[in-house]
PDB file of N, CA and C in Angstrom:
ATOM      1  N   UNK A   1     139.059 110.209 129.223  1.00  0.00           N
ATOM      2  CA  UNK A   1     137.864 110.809 128.776  1.00  0.00           C
ATOM      3  C   UNK A   1     136.833 109.711 128.574  1.00  0.00           C
ATOM      4  N   UNK A   2     135.662 109.903 129.092  1.00  0.00           N
ATOM      5  CA  UNK A   2     134.568 108.939 129.009  1.00  0.00           C
ATOM      6  C   UNK A   2     134.044 108.986 127.584  1.00  0.00           C
ATOM      7  N   UNK A   3     133.420 107.791 127.219  1.00  0.00           N
ATOM      8  CA  UNK A   3     132.797 107.711 125.858  1.00  0.00           C
ATOM      9  C   UNK A   3     131.725 108.758 125.676  1.00  0.00           C
ATOM     10  N   UNK A   4     130.894 108.889 126.683  1.00  0.00           N
ATOM     11  CA  UNK A   4     129.762 109.881 126.558  1.00  0.00           C
ATOM     12  C   UNK A   4     130.315 111.316 126.309  1.00  0.00           C
ATOM     13  N   UNK A   5     131.381 111.722 127.130  1.00  0.00           N
ATOM     14  CA  UNK A   5     131.922 113.036 126.835  1.00  0.00           C
ATOM     15  C   UNK A   5     132.605 113.057 125.494  1.00  0.00           C
ATOM     16  N   UNK A   6     133.251 112.061 125.111  1.00  0.00           N
ATOM     17  CA  UNK A   6     133.921 111.998 123.824  1.00  0.00           C
ATOM     18  C   UNK A   6     132.851 112.232 122.698  1.00  0.00           C
ATOM     19  N   UNK A   7     131.792 111.554 122.758  1.00  0.00           N
ATOM     20  CA  UNK A   7     130.653 111.589 121.832  1.00  0.00           C
ATOM     21  C   UNK A   7     130.140 112.935 121.781  1.00  0.00           C
ATOM     22  N   UNK A   8     129.922 113.555 122.904  1.00  0.00           N
ATOM     23  CA  UNK A   8     129.419 114.955 122.986  1.00  0.00           C
ATOM     24  C   UNK A   8     130.373 115.911 122.377  1.00  0.00           C
ATOM     25  N   UNK A   9     131.641 115.707 122.686  1.00  0.00           N
ATOM     26  CA  UNK A   9     132.712 116.659 122.175  1.00  0.00           C
ATOM     27  C   UNK A   9     132.769 116.507 120.605  1.00  0.00           C
ATOM     28  N   UNK A  10     132.573 115.339 120.093  1.00  0.00           N
ATOM     29  CA  UNK A  10     132.586 115.134 118.687  1.00  0.00           C
ATOM     30  C   UNK A  10     131.419 115.839 118.023  1.00  0.00           C
ATOM     31  N   UNK A  11     130.243 115.678 118.665  1.00  0.00           N
ATOM     32  CA  UNK A  11     129.047 116.258 118.151  1.00  0.00           C
ATOM     33  C   UNK A  11     129.136 117.803 118.171  1.00  0.00           C
ATOM     34  N   UNK A  12     129.770 118.320 119.213  1.00  0.00           N
ATOM     35  CA  UNK A  12     129.897 119.791 119.300  1.00  0.00           C
ATOM     36  C   UNK A  12     130.863 120.212 118.247  1.00  0.00           C
ATOM     37  N   UNK A  13     131.994 119.525 118.074  1.00  0.00           N
ATOM     38  CA  UNK A  13     132.996 119.889 117.030  1.00  0.00           C
ATOM     39  C   UNK A  13     132.345 119.860 115.645  1.00  0.00           C
ATOM     40  N   UNK A  14     131.522 118.886 115.373  1.00  0.00           N
ATOM     41  CA  UNK A  14     130.892 118.794 114.116  1.00  0.00           C
ATOM     42  C   UNK A  14     129.838 119.947 113.886  1.00  0.00           C
ATOM     43  N   UNK A  15     129.146 120.343 114.978  1.00  0.00           N
ATOM     44  CA  UNK A  15     128.158 121.447 114.918  1.00  0.00           C
ATOM     45  C   UNK A  15     128.933 122.786 114.578  1.00  0.00           C
ATOM     46  N   UNK A  16     130.104 123.000 115.301  1.00  0.00           N
ATOM     47  CA  UNK A  16     130.858 124.146 115.059  1.00  0.00           C
ATOM     48  C   UNK A  16     131.420 124.220 113.651  1.00  0.00           C
ATOM     49  N   UNK A  17     131.860 123.086 113.128  1.00  0.00           N
ATOM     50  CA  UNK A  17     132.415 123.017 111.770  1.00  0.00           C
ATOM     51  C   UNK A  17     131.232 123.452 110.804  1.00  0.00           C
ATOM     52  N   UNK A  18     130.045 122.854 111.005  1.00  0.00           N
ATOM     53  CA  UNK A  18     128.970 123.221 110.062  1.00  0.00           C
ATOM     54  C   UNK A  18     128.606 124.657 110.163  1.00  0.00           C
ATOM     55  N   UNK A  19     128.658 125.331 111.361  1.00  0.00           N
ATOM     56  CA  UNK A  19     128.340 126.689 111.490  1.00  0.00           C
ATOM     57  C   UNK A  19     129.362 127.559 110.834  1.00  0.00           C
ATOM     58  N   UNK A  20     130.660 127.103 110.814  1.00  0.00           N
ATOM     59  CA  UNK A  20     131.784 127.877 110.149  1.00  0.00           C
ATOM     60  C   UNK A  20     131.466 128.062 108.701  1.00  0.00           C
ATOM     61  N   UNK A  21     130.712 127.127 108.086  1.00  0.00           N
ATOM     62  CA  UNK A  21     130.393 127.252 106.692  1.00  0.00           C
ATOM     63  C   UNK A  21     129.662 128.538 106.370  1.00  0.00           C
ATOM     64  N   UNK A  22     128.863 128.972 107.326  1.00  0.00           N
ATOM     65  CA  UNK A  22     128.064 130.161 107.169  1.00  0.00           C
ATOM     66  C   UNK A  22     128.870 131.501 107.192  1.00  0.00           C
ATOM     67  N   UNK A  23     130.116 131.320 107.628  1.00  0.00           N
ATOM     68  CA  UNK A  23     130.989 132.617 107.805  1.00  0.00           C
ATOM     69  C   UNK A  23     131.967 132.601 106.560  1.00  0.00           C
ATOM     70  N   UNK A  24     131.916 131.722 105.664  1.00  0.00           N
ATOM     71  CA  UNK A  24     132.751 131.736 104.469  1.00  0.00           C
ATOM     72  C   UNK A  24     132.525 133.054 103.664  1.00  0.00           C
ATOM     73  N   UNK A  25     133.443 133.288 102.727  1.00  0.00           N
ATOM     74  CA  UNK A  25     133.308 134.554 101.900  1.00  0.00           C
ATOM     75  C   UNK A  25     132.064 134.458 101.027  1.00  0.00           C
ATOM     76  N   UNK A  26     131.813 133.240 100.532  1.00  0.00           N
ATOM     77  CA  UNK A  26     130.614 133.006  99.687  1.00  0.00           C
ATOM     78  C   UNK A  26     129.718 131.954 100.372  1.00  0.00           C
ATOM     79  N   UNK A  27     129.025 132.262 101.446  1.00  0.00           N
ATOM     80  CA  UNK A  27     128.299 131.315 102.252  1.00  0.00           C
ATOM     81  C   UNK A  27     127.093 130.836 101.459  1.00  0.00           C
ATOM     82  N   UNK A  28     126.651 129.644 101.751  1.00  0.00           N
ATOM     83  CA  UNK A  28     125.421 129.072 101.131  1.00  0.00           C
ATOM     84  C   UNK A  28     124.195 129.730 101.704  1.00  0.00           C
ATOM     85  N   UNK A  29     123.109 129.665 100.989  1.00  0.00           N
ATOM     86  CA  UNK A  29     121.873 130.182 101.446  1.00  0.00           C
ATOM     87  C   UNK A  29     121.389 129.092 102.496  1.00  0.00           C
ATOM     88  N   UNK A  30     120.842 129.496 103.632  1.00  0.00           N
ATOM     89  CA  UNK A  30     120.374 128.514 104.629  1.00  0.00           C
ATOM     90  C   UNK A  30     118.992 128.933 104.916  1.00  0.00           C
ATOM     91  N   UNK A  31     118.045 127.997 104.799  1.00  0.00           N
ATOM     92  CA  UNK A  31     116.665 128.182 105.261  1.00  0.00           C
ATOM     93  C   UNK A  31     116.409 127.123 106.306  1.00  0.00           C
ATOM     94  N   UNK A  32     116.056 127.495 107.521  1.00  0.00           N
ATOM     95  CA  UNK A  32     115.759 126.668 108.584  1.00  0.00           C
ATOM     96  C   UNK A  32     114.346 126.851 109.103  1.00  0.00           C
ATOM     97  N   UNK A  33     113.582 125.782 109.154  1.00  0.00           N
ATOM     98  CA  UNK A  33     112.150 125.916 109.683  1.00  0.00           C
ATOM     99  C   UNK A  33     112.241 125.196 110.991  1.00  0.00           C
ATOM    100  N   UNK A  34     111.939 125.913 112.068  1.00  0.00           N
ATOM    101  CA  UNK A  34     112.069 125.335 113.498  1.00  0.00           C
ATOM    102  C   UNK A  34     110.802 125.371 114.257  1.00  0.00           C
ATOM    103  N   UNK A  35     110.445 124.336 114.951  1.00  0.00           N
ATOM    104  CA  UNK A  35     109.275 124.303 115.693  1.00  0.00           C
ATOM    105  C   UNK A  35     109.458 125.304 116.900  1.00  0.00           C
ATOM    106  N   UNK A  36     108.547 126.177 117.161  1.00  0.00           N
ATOM    107  CA  UNK A  36     108.632 127.165 118.221  1.00  0.00           C
ATOM    108  C   UNK A  36     108.948 126.521 119.497  1.00  0.00           C
ATOM    109  N   UNK A  37     108.499 125.246 119.769  1.00  0.00           N
ATOM    110  CA  UNK A  37     108.681 124.624 121.126  1.00  0.00           C
ATOM    111  C   UNK A  37     110.198 124.504 121.468  1.00  0.00           C
ATOM    112  N   UNK A  38     111.067 124.485 120.471  1.00  0.00           N
ATOM    113  CA  UNK A  38     112.513 124.323 120.772  1.00  0.00           C
ATOM    114  C   UNK A  38     113.052 125.615 121.458  1.00  0.00           C
ATOM    115  N   UNK A  39     112.405 126.754 121.163  1.00  0.00           N
ATOM    116  CA  UNK A  39     112.840 128.012 121.812  1.00  0.00           C
ATOM    117  C   UNK A  39     112.469 127.932 123.240  1.00  0.00           C
ATOM    118  N   UNK A  40     111.460 127.262 123.627  1.00  0.00           N
ATOM    119  CA  UNK A  40     110.900 127.200 124.934  1.00  0.00           C
ATOM    120  C   UNK A  40     111.390 126.025 125.857  1.00  0.00           C
ATOM    121  N   UNK A  41     111.942 125.009 125.218  1.00  0.00           N
ATOM    122  CA  UNK A  41     112.402 123.833 125.858  1.00  0.00           C
ATOM    123  C   UNK A  41     113.736 124.183 126.531  1.00  0.00           C
ATOM    124  N   UNK A  42     113.760 124.136 127.789  1.00  0.00           N
ATOM    125  CA  UNK A  42     114.897 124.483 128.616  1.00  0.00           C
ATOM    126  C   UNK A  42     115.990 123.497 128.471  1.00  0.00           C
ATOM    127  N   UNK A  43     117.220 124.030 128.103  1.00  0.00           N
ATOM    128  CA  UNK A  43     118.425 123.213 128.038  1.00  0.00           C
ATOM    129  C   UNK A  43     119.473 123.999 128.777  1.00  0.00           C
ATOM    130  N   UNK A  44     119.932 123.489 129.911  1.00  0.00           N
ATOM    131  CA  UNK A  44     120.788 124.276 130.696  1.00  0.00           C
ATOM    132  C   UNK A  44     120.054 125.285 131.605  1.00  0.00           C
ATOM    133  N   UNK A  45     120.686 126.325 132.077  1.00  0.00           N
ATOM    134  CA  UNK A  45     120.065 127.307 132.868  1.00  0.00           C
ATOM    135  C   UNK A  45     119.554 128.437 131.976  1.00  0.00           C
ATOM    136  N   UNK A  46     119.011 129.446 132.627  1.00  0.00           N
ATOM    137  CA  UNK A  46     118.364 130.591 131.910  1.00  0.00           C
ATOM    138  C   UNK A  46     119.527 131.335 131.083  1.00  0.00           C
ATOM    139  N   UNK A  47     120.722 131.427 131.641  1.00  0.00           N
ATOM    140  CA  UNK A  47     121.786 132.157 130.944  1.00  0.00           C
ATOM    141  C   UNK A  47     122.149 131.332 129.598  1.00  0.00           C
ATOM    142  N   UNK A  48     122.138 130.093 129.729  1.00  0.00           N
ATOM    143  CA  UNK A  48     122.515 129.198 128.588  1.00  0.00           C
ATOM    144  C   UNK A  48     121.392 129.423 127.507  1.00  0.00           C
ATOM    145  N   UNK A  49     120.083 129.442 127.901  1.00  0.00           N
ATOM    146  CA  UNK A  49     118.987 129.615 127.004  1.00  0.00           C
ATOM    147  C   UNK A  49     119.120 130.981 126.332  1.00  0.00           C
ATOM    148  N   UNK A  50     119.338 132.014 127.099  1.00  0.00           N
ATOM    149  CA  UNK A  50     119.431 133.360 126.617  1.00  0.00           C
ATOM    150  C   UNK A  50     120.595 133.481 125.626  1.00  0.00           C
ATOM    151  N   UNK A  51     121.671 132.864 125.981  1.00  0.00           N
ATOM    152  CA  UNK A  51     122.869 132.829 125.086  1.00  0.00           C
ATOM    153  C   UNK A  51     122.616 132.212 123.790  1.00  0.00           C
ATOM    154  N   UNK A  52     121.909 131.079 123.864  1.00  0.00           N
ATOM    155  CA  UNK A  52     121.629 130.286 122.615  1.00  0.00           C
ATOM    156  C   UNK A  52     120.631 131.082 121.727  1.00  0.00           C
ATOM    157  N   UNK A  53     119.632 131.738 122.323  1.00  0.00           N
ATOM    158  CA  UNK A  53     118.706 132.500 121.444  1.00  0.00           C
ATOM    159  C   UNK A  53     119.390 133.755 120.897  1.00  0.00           C
ATOM    160  N   UNK A  54     120.273 134.361 121.621  1.00  0.00           N
ATOM    161  CA  UNK A  54     121.021 135.441 121.143  1.00  0.00           C
ATOM    162  C   UNK A  54     121.872 135.092 119.951  1.00  0.00           C
ATOM    163  N   UNK A  55     122.419 133.850 120.094  1.00  0.00           N
ATOM    164  CA  UNK A  55     123.313 133.340 118.920  1.00  0.00           C
ATOM    165  C   UNK A  55     122.394 133.086 117.688  1.00  0.00           C
ATOM    166  N   UNK A  56     121.202 132.505 117.958  1.00  0.00           N
ATOM    167  CA  UNK A  56     120.296 132.225 116.913  1.00  0.00           C
ATOM    168  C   UNK A  56     119.828 133.528 116.203  1.00  0.00           C
ATOM    169  N   UNK A  57     119.631 134.588 117.001  1.00  0.00           N
ATOM    170  CA  UNK A  57     119.197 135.901 116.412  1.00  0.00           C
ATOM    171  C   UNK A  57     120.353 136.340 115.578  1.00  0.00           C
ATOM    172  N   UNK A  58     121.573 136.309 116.040  1.00  0.00           N
ATOM    173  CA  UNK A  58     122.687 136.791 115.203  1.00  0.00           C
ATOM    174  C   UNK A  58     122.798 136.045 113.943  1.00  0.00           C
ATOM    175  N   UNK A  59     122.644 134.740 113.940  1.00  0.00           N
ATOM    176  CA  UNK A  59     122.709 133.973 112.732  1.00  0.00           C
ATOM    177  C   UNK A  59     121.537 134.240 111.769  1.00  0.00           C
ATOM    178  N   UNK A  60     120.347 134.467 112.376  1.00  0.00           N
ATOM    179  CA  UNK A  60     119.192 134.680 111.626  1.00  0.00           C
ATOM    180  C   UNK A  60     119.177 136.098 110.933  1.00  0.00           C
ATOM    181  N   UNK A  61     119.960 137.035 111.549  1.00  0.00           N
ATOM    182  CA  UNK A  61     120.136 138.330 110.916  1.00  0.00           C
ATOM    183  C   UNK A  61     120.957 138.467 109.708  1.00  0.00           C
ATOM    184  N   UNK A  62     121.725 137.377 109.486  1.00  0.00           N
ATOM    185  CA  UNK A  62     122.564 137.356 108.308  1.00  0.00           C
ATOM    186  C   UNK A  62     121.750 137.251 107.015  1.00  0.00           C
ATOM    187  N   UNK A  63     122.062 138.017 105.994  1.00  0.00           N
ATOM    188  CA  UNK A  63     121.337 138.048 104.757  1.00  0.00           C
ATOM    189  C   UNK A  63     121.155 136.702 104.132  1.00  0.00           C
ATOM    190  N   UNK A  64     122.060 135.854 104.240  1.00  0.00           N
ATOM    191  CA  UNK A  64     121.895 134.510 103.518  1.00  0.00           C
ATOM    192  C   UNK A  64     121.298 133.489 104.397  1.00  0.00           C
ATOM    193  N   UNK A  65     120.796 133.890 105.512  1.00  0.00           N
ATOM    194  CA  UNK A  65     120.119 132.920 106.417  1.00  0.00           C
ATOM    195  C   UNK A  65     118.659 133.306 106.655  1.00  0.00           C
ATOM    196  N   UNK A  66     117.780 132.329 106.580  1.00  0.00           N
ATOM    197  CA  UNK A  66     116.398 132.488 106.880  1.00  0.00           C
ATOM    198  C   UNK A  66     116.023 131.543 107.972  1.00  0.00           C
ATOM    199  N   UNK A  67     115.603 131.980 109.122  1.00  0.00           N
ATOM    200  CA  UNK A  67     115.051 131.146 110.213  1.00  0.00           C
ATOM    201  C   UNK A  67     113.622 131.478 110.330  1.00  0.00           C
ATOM    202  N   UNK A  68     112.816 130.426 110.117  1.00  0.00           N
ATOM    203  CA  UNK A  68     111.367 130.586 110.130  1.00  0.00           C
ATOM    204  C   UNK A  68     110.853 129.603 111.230  1.00  0.00           C
ATOM    205  N   UNK A  69     109.907 130.163 111.969  1.00  0.00           N
ATOM    206  CA  UNK A  69     109.348 129.311 113.039  1.00  0.00           C
ATOM    207  C   UNK A  69     107.912 128.789 112.622  1.00  0.00           C
ATOM    208  N   UNK A  70     107.674 127.627 113.110  1.00  0.00           N
ATOM    209  CA  UNK A  70     106.373 127.048 112.864  1.00  0.00           C
ATOM    210  C   UNK A  70     105.727 126.664 114.215  1.00  0.00           C
ATOM    211  N   UNK A  71     104.497 126.913 114.260  1.00  0.00           N
ATOM    212  CA  UNK A  71     103.762 126.585 115.550  1.00  0.00           C
ATOM    213  C   UNK A  71     102.861 125.406 115.197  1.00  0.00           C
ATOM    214  N   UNK A  72     103.097 124.286 115.830  1.00  0.00           N
ATOM    215  CA  UNK A  72     102.284 123.105 115.639  1.00  0.00           C
ATOM    216  C   UNK A  72     101.304 122.839 116.749  1.00  0.00           C
ATOM    217  N   UNK A  73     100.065 123.348 116.610  1.00  0.00           N
ATOM    218  CA  UNK A  73      99.116 123.287 117.673  1.00  0.00           C
ATOM    219  C   UNK A  73      98.769 121.940 118.201  1.00  0.00           C
ATOM    220  N   UNK A  74      98.966 120.900 117.402  1.00  0.00           N
ATOM    221  CA  UNK A  74      98.633 119.545 117.950  1.00  0.00           C
ATOM    222  C   UNK A  74      99.803 118.830 118.530  1.00  0.00           C
ATOM    223  N   UNK A  75     100.949 119.524 118.656  1.00  0.00           N
ATOM    224  CA  UNK A  75     102.070 119.046 119.300  1.00  0.00           C
ATOM    225  C   UNK A  75     102.813 118.011 118.444  1.00  0.00           C
ATOM    226  N   UNK A  76     102.572 117.974 117.123  1.00  0.00           N
ATOM    227  CA  UNK A  76     103.279 117.053 116.266  1.00  0.00           C
ATOM    228  C   UNK A  76     104.761 117.291 116.280  1.00  0.00           C
ATOM    229  N   UNK A  77     105.509 116.246 116.110  1.00  0.00           N
ATOM    230  CA  UNK A  77     106.887 116.291 115.979  1.00  0.00           C
ATOM    231  C   UNK A  77     107.414 116.535 114.607  1.00  0.00           C
ATOM    232  N   UNK A  78     108.527 117.168 114.410  1.00  0.00           N
ATOM    233  CA  UNK A  78     109.163 117.294 113.087  1.00  0.00           C
ATOM    234  C   UNK A  78     110.499 116.681 113.090  1.00  0.00           C
ATOM    235  N   UNK A  79     111.082 116.421 111.977  1.00  0.00           N
ATOM    236  CA  UNK A  79     112.316 115.812 111.816  1.00  0.00           C
ATOM    237  C   UNK A  79     113.121 116.388 110.729  1.00  0.00           C
ATOM    238  N   UNK A  80     114.440 116.173 110.669  1.00  0.00           N
ATOM    239  CA  UNK A  80     115.214 116.674 109.595  1.00  0.00           C
ATOM    240  C   UNK A  80     116.137 115.572 109.124  1.00  0.00           C
ATOM    241  N   UNK A  81     116.658 115.741 107.903  1.00  0.00           N
ATOM    242  CA  UNK A  81     117.389 114.571 107.244  1.00  0.00           C
ATOM    243  C   UNK A  81     118.778 114.532 107.645  1.00  0.00           C
ATOM    244  N   UNK A  82     119.448 115.705 108.044  1.00  0.00           N
ATOM    245  CA  UNK A  82     120.794 115.835 108.447  1.00  0.00           C
ATOM    246  C   UNK A  82     120.822 115.953 109.989  1.00  0.00           C
ATOM    247  N   UNK A  83     121.717 115.171 110.630  1.00  0.00           N
ATOM    248  CA  UNK A  83     121.792 115.284 112.124  1.00  0.00           C
ATOM    249  C   UNK A  83     123.213 115.054 112.485  1.00  0.00           C
ATOM    250  N   UNK A  84     123.487 115.063 113.881  1.00  0.00           N
ATOM    251  CA  UNK A  84     124.827 114.874 114.390  1.00  0.00           C
ATOM    252  C   UNK A  84     125.483 113.666 114.027  1.00  0.00           C
ATOM    253  N   UNK A  85     124.733 112.591 113.758  1.00  0.00           N
ATOM    254  CA  UNK A  85     125.345 111.269 113.476  1.00  0.00           C
ATOM    255  C   UNK A  85     125.712 111.142 111.897  1.00  0.00           C
ATOM    256  N   UNK A  86     124.700 111.558 111.025  1.00  0.00           N
ATOM    257  CA  UNK A  86     124.925 111.371 109.569  1.00  0.00           C
ATOM    258  C   UNK A  86     124.030 112.262 108.890  1.00  0.00           C
ATOM    259  N   UNK A  87     124.301 112.502 107.676  1.00  0.00           N
ATOM    260  CA  UNK A  87     123.370 113.124 106.697  1.00  0.00           C
ATOM    261  C   UNK A  87     122.915 112.011 105.719  1.00  0.00           C
ATOM    262  N   UNK A  88     121.690 112.198 105.347  1.00  0.00           N
ATOM    263  CA  UNK A  88     121.131 111.165 104.342  1.00  0.00           C
ATOM    264  C   UNK A  88     120.873 111.897 103.104  1.00  0.00           C
ATOM    265  N   UNK A  89     121.473 111.363 101.975  1.00  0.00           N
ATOM    266  CA  UNK A  89     121.243 111.854 100.721  1.00  0.00           C
ATOM    267  C   UNK A  89     120.105 111.102 100.132  1.00  0.00           C
ATOM    268  N   UNK A  90     119.069 111.834  99.697  1.00  0.00           N
ATOM    269  CA  UNK A  90     117.837 111.174  99.131  1.00  0.00           C
ATOM    270  C   UNK A  90     117.905 111.305  97.638  1.00  0.00           C
ATOM    271  N   UNK A  91     117.811 110.168  97.001  1.00  0.00           N
ATOM    272  CA  UNK A  91     117.926 110.302  95.517  1.00  0.00           C
ATOM    273  C   UNK A  91     116.698 109.709  94.794  1.00  0.00           C
ATOM    274  N   UNK A  92     115.891 108.921  95.465  1.00  0.00           N
ATOM    275  CA  UNK A  92     114.698 108.361  94.856  1.00  0.00           C
ATOM    276  C   UNK A  92     113.653 109.468  94.505  1.00  0.00           C
ATOM    277  N   UNK A  93     113.212 109.514  93.384  1.00  0.00           N
ATOM    278  CA  UNK A  93     112.298 110.594  92.947  1.00  0.00           C
ATOM    279  C   UNK A  93     111.013 110.623  93.792  1.00  0.00           C
ATOM    280  N   UNK A  94     110.500 109.421  94.165  1.00  0.00           N
ATOM    281  CA  UNK A  94     109.268 109.349  95.021  1.00  0.00           C
ATOM    282  C   UNK A  94     109.566 109.978  96.422  1.00  0.00           C
ATOM    283  N   UNK A  95     110.733 109.619  96.952  1.00  0.00           N
ATOM    284  CA  UNK A  95     111.104 110.240  98.231  1.00  0.00           C
ATOM    285  C   UNK A  95     111.341 111.692  98.144  1.00  0.00           C
ATOM    286  N   UNK A  96     111.957 112.110  97.060  1.00  0.00           N
ATOM    287  CA  UNK A  96     112.206 113.629  96.837  1.00  0.00           C
ATOM    288  C   UNK A  96     110.846 114.383  96.791  1.00  0.00           C
ATOM    289  N   UNK A  97     109.884 113.754  95.965  1.00  0.00           N
ATOM    290  CA  UNK A  97     108.644 114.384  95.893  1.00  0.00           C
ATOM    291  C   UNK A  97     107.866 114.410  97.227  1.00  0.00           C
ATOM    292  N   UNK A  98     108.048 113.322  97.958  1.00  0.00           N
ATOM    293  CA  UNK A  98     107.354 113.283  99.324  1.00  0.00           C
ATOM    294  C   UNK A  98     107.948 114.388 100.318  1.00  0.00           C
ATOM    295  N   UNK A  99     109.292 114.414 100.261  1.00  0.00           N
ATOM    296  CA  UNK A  99     110.009 115.493 101.090  1.00  0.00           C
ATOM    297  C   UNK A  99     109.623 116.875 100.575  1.00  0.00           C
ATOM    298  N   UNK A 100     109.553 117.031  99.304  1.00  0.00           N
ATOM    299  CA  UNK A 100     109.173 118.383  98.790  1.00  0.00           C
ATOM    300  C   UNK A 100     107.772 118.796  99.167  1.00  0.00           C
ATOM    301  N   UNK A 101     106.801 117.804  99.166  1.00  0.00           N
ATOM    302  CA  UNK A 101     105.453 118.136  99.481  1.00  0.00           C
ATOM    303  C   UNK A 101     105.447 118.481 101.004  1.00  0.00           C
ATOM    304  N   UNK A 102     106.192 117.743 101.815  1.00  0.00           N
ATOM    305  CA  UNK A 102     106.234 118.040 103.282  1.00  0.00           C
ATOM    306  C   UNK A 102     106.844 119.430 103.583  1.00  0.00           C
ATOM    307  N   UNK A 103     107.940 119.680 102.810  1.00  0.00           N
ATOM    308  CA  UNK A 103     108.545 120.948 102.926  1.00  0.00           C
ATOM    309  C   UNK A 103     107.702 122.132 102.669  1.00  0.00           C
ATOM    310  N   UNK A 104     106.891 122.041 101.605  1.00  0.00           N
ATOM    311  CA  UNK A 104     105.954 123.060 101.179  1.00  0.00           C
ATOM    312  C   UNK A 104     104.852 123.203 102.244  1.00  0.00           C
ATOM    313  N   UNK A 105     104.469 122.093 102.751  1.00  0.00           N
ATOM    314  CA  UNK A 105     103.394 122.181 103.805  1.00  0.00           C
ATOM    315  C   UNK A 105     103.881 122.846 105.069  1.00  0.00           C
ATOM    316  N   UNK A 106     105.119 122.480 105.489  1.00  0.00           N
ATOM    317  CA  UNK A 106     105.697 123.106 106.684  1.00  0.00           C
ATOM    318  C   UNK A 106     106.037 124.541 106.466  1.00  0.00           C
ATOM    319  N   UNK A 107     106.682 124.857 105.372  1.00  0.00           N
ATOM    320  CA  UNK A 107     107.157 126.235 105.012  1.00  0.00           C
ATOM    321  C   UNK A 107     105.838 127.114 104.914  1.00  0.00           C
ATOM    322  N   UNK A 108     104.802 126.516 104.340  1.00  0.00           N
ATOM    323  CA  UNK A 108     103.511 127.380 104.236  1.00  0.00           C
ATOM    324  C   UNK A 108     102.934 127.698 105.497  1.00  0.00           C
ATOM    325  N   UNK A 109     103.163 126.887 106.565  1.00  0.00           N
ATOM    326  CA  UNK A 109     102.577 127.224 107.858  1.00  0.00           C
ATOM    327  C   UNK A 109     103.479 128.043 108.762  1.00  0.00           C
ATOM    328  N   UNK A 110     104.815 128.093 108.322  1.00  0.00           N
ATOM    329  CA  UNK A 110     105.857 128.861 109.184  1.00  0.00           C
ATOM    330  C   UNK A 110     105.599 130.354 109.152  1.00  0.00           C
ATOM    331  N   UNK A 111     105.953 131.005 110.297  1.00  0.00           N
ATOM    332  CA  UNK A 111     105.908 132.454 110.265  1.00  0.00           C
ATOM    333  C   UNK A 111     106.844 133.061 109.307  1.00  0.00           C
ATOM    334  N   UNK A 112     106.493 134.243 108.794  1.00  0.00           N
ATOM    335  CA  UNK A 112     107.485 134.849 107.890  1.00  0.00           C
ATOM    336  C   UNK A 112     108.809 135.214 108.633  1.00  0.00           C
ATOM    337  N   UNK A 113     109.892 135.459 107.897  1.00  0.00           N
ATOM    338  CA  UNK A 113     111.184 135.721 108.520  1.00  0.00           C
ATOM    339  C   UNK A 113     111.153 136.790 109.556  1.00  0.00           C
ATOM    340  N   UNK A 114     110.609 137.892 109.267  1.00  0.00           N
ATOM    341  CA  UNK A 114     110.575 139.014 110.198  1.00  0.00           C
ATOM    342  C   UNK A 114     109.869 138.686 111.529  1.00  0.00           C
ATOM    343  N   UNK A 115     108.641 137.992 111.429  1.00  0.00           N
ATOM    344  CA  UNK A 115     107.864 137.575 112.556  1.00  0.00           C
ATOM    345  C   UNK A 115     108.622 136.529 113.317  1.00  0.00           C
ATOM    346  N   UNK A 116     109.278 135.599 112.683  1.00  0.00           N
ATOM    347  CA  UNK A 116     110.104 134.643 113.384  1.00  0.00           C
ATOM    348  C   UNK A 116     111.104 135.255 114.233  1.00  0.00           C
ATOM    349  N   UNK A 117     111.894 136.259 113.690  1.00  0.00           N
ATOM    350  CA  UNK A 117     112.909 136.982 114.407  1.00  0.00           C
ATOM    351  C   UNK A 117     112.325 137.675 115.633  1.00  0.00           C
ATOM    352  N   UNK A 118     111.177 138.307 115.421  1.00  0.00           N
ATOM    353  CA  UNK A 118     110.477 138.953 116.596  1.00  0.00           C
ATOM    354  C   UNK A 118     110.134 138.007 117.617  1.00  0.00           C
ATOM    355  N   UNK A 119     109.683 136.797 117.312  1.00  0.00           N
ATOM    356  CA  UNK A 119     109.232 135.824 118.282  1.00  0.00           C
ATOM    357  C   UNK A 119     110.471 135.267 118.975  1.00  0.00           C
ATOM    358  N   UNK A 120     111.555 135.037 118.272  1.00  0.00           N
ATOM    359  CA  UNK A 120     112.808 134.597 118.959  1.00  0.00           C
ATOM    360  C   UNK A 120     113.282 135.695 119.955  1.00  0.00           C
ATOM    361  N   UNK A 121     113.218 136.965 119.596  1.00  0.00           N
ATOM    362  CA  UNK A 121     113.593 138.027 120.538  1.00  0.00           C
ATOM    363  C   UNK A 121     112.671 137.972 121.799  1.00  0.00           C
ATOM    364  N   UNK A 122     111.359 137.832 121.490  1.00  0.00           N
ATOM    365  CA  UNK A 122     110.396 137.832 122.569  1.00  0.00           C
ATOM    366  C   UNK A 122     110.688 136.749 123.597  1.00  0.00           C
ATOM    367  N   UNK A 123     110.922 135.494 123.014  1.00  0.00           N
ATOM    368  CA  UNK A 123     111.205 134.383 123.965  1.00  0.00           C
ATOM    369  C   UNK A 123     112.582 134.508 124.628  1.00  0.00           C
ATOM    370  N   UNK A 124     113.524 135.152 123.916  1.00  0.00           N
ATOM    371  CA  UNK A 124     114.855 135.366 124.508  1.00  0.00           C
ATOM    372  C   UNK A 124     114.751 136.250 125.759  1.00  0.00           C
ATOM    373  N   UNK A 125     113.883 137.230 125.650  1.00  0.00           N
ATOM    374  CA  UNK A 125     113.738 138.125 126.871  1.00  0.00           C
ATOM    375  C   UNK A 125     113.173 137.366 128.046  1.00  0.00           C
ATOM    376  N   UNK A 126     112.305 136.378 127.757  1.00  0.00           N
ATOM    377  CA  UNK A 126     111.717 135.573 128.864  1.00  0.00           C
ATOM    378  C   UNK A 126     112.805 134.734 129.560  1.00  0.00           C
ATOM    379  N   UNK A 127     113.894 134.433 128.877  1.00  0.00           N
ATOM    380  CA  UNK A 127     114.979 133.640 129.451  1.00  0.00           C
ATOM    381  C   UNK A 127     115.974 134.513 130.218  1.00  0.00           C
ATOM    382  N   UNK A 128     115.957 135.875 130.104  1.00  0.00           N
ATOM    383  CA  UNK A 128     116.916 136.693 130.778  1.00  0.00           C
ATOM    384  C   UNK A 128     116.376 137.166 132.151  1.00  0.00           C
TER     385      UNK A 128
END
């Protein structure tokens, strides 16, 4: 097995393990704010995109999950603290305050939950 494939396999296994947490008897509340551009960025073929968005819709429909979309007109990039390689625990109060202010700014611009789900459905139909 090549190192590249092994790394991808490990990342996929990690992602699936994180997703399994949402199916527990007492799942945590999940709030995800996603840039709309990720819905439109083609990864794989049209069937892959349609399948990914169908999965996102199924997850977003769960009561304990909120998926909210943000539209960044200037093309600005966003980042998150947890990724496939590692999660970063932030403990410095100044950093927490900075992240909190950024979160409020992003969440304030994001579409409401219902409209986000509608937009995901709309984009998903474009991929089918």
